[in-house]
Amino acid sequence: MTSRSELRKFIDHHFGGPGNMAKALGLTTAAIKRWDETPELMLKYLLQITDVTKCTVMDVVEAVEAQKKANG
């Protein structure tokens, strides 16, 4: 069993899961899940994410950086 990715932890905490995030941002769940491999893509939606949640720009950037580090 694999552990959740760094981005998945962020998504679960702020949105309750990739499906909810996809719905909130007008994306597909598959698009959200692809961010595990290419976390920089999440930054395109930075303002939408901060508008929908109570997280800050730095929260999002830190999640992206943590995933990049985890990816190696």
C-alpha atoms as a PDB file:
ATOM      1  CA  MET A   1       0.000   0.000   0.000  1.00  0.00           C
ATOM      2  CA  THR A   2       1.401   3.384  -0.931  1.00  0.00           C
ATOM      3  CA  SER A   3       1.097   6.501   1.166  1.00  0.00           C
ATOM      4  CA  ARG A   4      -0.786   9.533  -0.019  1.00  0.00           C
ATOM      5  CA  SER A   5       1.189  12.038  -2.048  1.00  0.00           C
ATOM      6  CA  GLU A   6       2.017  15.429  -0.609  1.00  0.00           C
ATOM      7  CA  LEU A   7      -0.487  17.061  -2.976  1.00  0.00           C
ATOM      8  CA  ARG A   8      -3.157  14.536  -2.074  1.00  0.00           C
ATOM      9  CA  LYS A   9      -2.741  15.452   1.593  1.00  0.00           C
ATOM     10  CA  PHE A  10      -3.258  19.109   0.688  1.00  0.00           C
ATOM     11  CA  ILE A  11      -6.239  18.335  -1.559  1.00  0.00           C
ATOM     12  CA  ASP A  12      -7.896  16.088   1.029  1.00  0.00           C
ATOM     13  CA  HIS A  13      -7.413  18.686   3.769  1.00  0.00           C
ATOM     14  CA  HIS A  14      -8.698  21.685   1.816  1.00  0.00           C
ATOM     15  CA  PHE A  15     -11.239  20.092  -0.524  1.00  0.00           C
ATOM     16  CA  GLY A  16     -12.099  16.680   0.901  1.00  0.00           C
ATOM     17  CA  GLY A  17     -10.692  14.857  -2.114  1.00  0.00           C
ATOM     18  CA  PRO A  18      -9.800  15.220  -5.785  1.00  0.00           C
ATOM     19  CA  GLY A  19     -13.419  14.896  -6.914  1.00  0.00           C
ATOM     20  CA  ASN A  20     -14.510  17.849  -4.817  1.00  0.00           C
ATOM     21  CA  MET A  21     -11.525  19.886  -5.967  1.00  0.00           C
ATOM     22  CA  ALA A  22     -12.252  19.073  -9.601  1.00  0.00           C
ATOM     23  CA  LYS A  23     -15.848  20.197  -9.195  1.00  0.00           C
ATOM     24  CA  ALA A  24     -14.827  23.428  -7.418  1.00  0.00           C
ATOM     25  CA  LEU A  25     -12.295  24.330 -10.124  1.00  0.00           C
ATOM     26  CA  GLY A  26     -14.267  23.078 -13.136  1.00  0.00           C
ATOM     27  CA  LEU A  27     -11.746  20.355 -13.969  1.00  0.00           C
ATOM     28  CA  THR A  28     -11.804  16.576 -14.262  1.00  0.00           C
ATOM     29  CA  THR A  29     -10.673  14.329 -11.440  1.00  0.00           C
ATOM     30  CA  ALA A  30      -8.107  12.838 -13.816  1.00  0.00           C
ATOM     31  CA  ALA A  31      -6.582  16.290 -14.341  1.00  0.00           C
ATOM     32  CA  ILE A  32      -6.236  16.769 -10.588  1.00  0.00           C
ATOM     33  CA  LYS A  33      -4.624  13.343 -10.164  1.00  0.00           C
ATOM     34  CA  ARG A  34      -2.053  14.126 -12.885  1.00  0.00           C
ATOM     35  CA  TRP A  35      -0.698  16.881 -10.653  1.00  0.00           C
ATOM     36  CA  ASP A  36       1.054  14.201  -8.567  1.00  0.00           C
ATOM     37  CA  GLU A  37       3.435  13.667 -11.487  1.00  0.00           C
ATOM     38  CA  THR A  38       3.660  17.319 -12.567  1.00  0.00           C
ATOM     39  CA  PRO A  39       2.784  19.423  -9.525  1.00  0.00           C
ATOM     40  CA  GLU A  40       3.671  22.720 -11.231  1.00  0.00           C
ATOM     41  CA  LEU A  41       0.425  22.418 -13.215  1.00  0.00           C
ATOM     42  CA  MET A  42      -1.478  23.149 -10.005  1.00  0.00           C
ATOM     43  CA  LEU A  43      -0.043  26.673  -9.942  1.00  0.00           C
ATOM     44  CA  LYS A  44      -2.161  27.598 -12.960  1.00  0.00           C
ATOM     45  CA  TYR A  45      -5.164  27.462 -10.604  1.00  0.00           C
ATOM     46  CA  LEU A  46      -3.473  29.207  -7.682  1.00  0.00           C
ATOM     47  CA  LEU A  47      -5.893  32.130  -7.424  1.00  0.00           C
ATOM     48  CA  GLN A  48      -8.940  29.900  -7.800  1.00  0.00           C
ATOM     49  CA  ILE A  49      -7.646  27.588  -5.075  1.00  0.00           C
ATOM     50  CA  THR A  50      -7.026  30.434  -2.644  1.00  0.00           C
ATOM     51  CA  ASP A  51     -10.426  31.952  -3.450  1.00  0.00           C
ATOM     52  CA  VAL A  52     -12.291  28.684  -2.806  1.00  0.00           C
ATOM     53  CA  THR A  53     -10.361  27.655   0.321  1.00  0.00           C
ATOM     54  CA  LYS A  54      -8.936  29.433   3.329  1.00  0.00           C
ATOM     55  CA  CYS A  55      -5.381  28.555   2.324  1.00  0.00           C
ATOM     56  CA  THR A  56      -2.758  31.101   1.349  1.00  0.00           C
ATOM     57  CA  VAL A  57      -0.644  31.356  -1.763  1.00  0.00           C
ATOM     58  CA  MET A  58       2.287  30.066   0.296  1.00  0.00           C
ATOM     59  CA  ASP A  59       0.272  27.010   1.383  1.00  0.00           C
ATOM     60  CA  VAL A  60      -0.245  26.060  -2.258  1.00  0.00           C
ATOM     61  CA  VAL A  61       3.355  26.764  -3.246  1.00  0.00           C
ATOM     62  CA  GLU A  62       4.647  24.719  -0.301  1.00  0.00           C
ATOM     63  CA  ALA A  63       2.434  21.771  -1.293  1.00  0.00           C
ATOM     64  CA  VAL A  64       3.731  21.945  -4.865  1.00  0.00           C
ATOM     65  CA  GLU A  65       7.353  22.156  -3.671  1.00  0.00           C
ATOM     66  CA  ALA A  66       6.843  19.218  -1.273  1.00  0.00           C
ATOM     67  CA  GLN A  67       5.451  17.096  -4.123  1.00  0.00           C
ATOM     68  CA  LYS A  68       8.323  18.055  -6.414  1.00  0.00           C
ATOM     69  CA  LYS A  69      10.777  17.013  -3.699  1.00  0.00           C
ATOM     70  CA  ALA A  70       8.902  13.737  -3.120  1.00  0.00           C
ATOM     71  CA  ASN A  71       9.009  13.024  -6.856  1.00  0.00           C
ATOM     72  CA  GLY A  72      12.779  13.363  -6.796  1.00  0.00           C
END
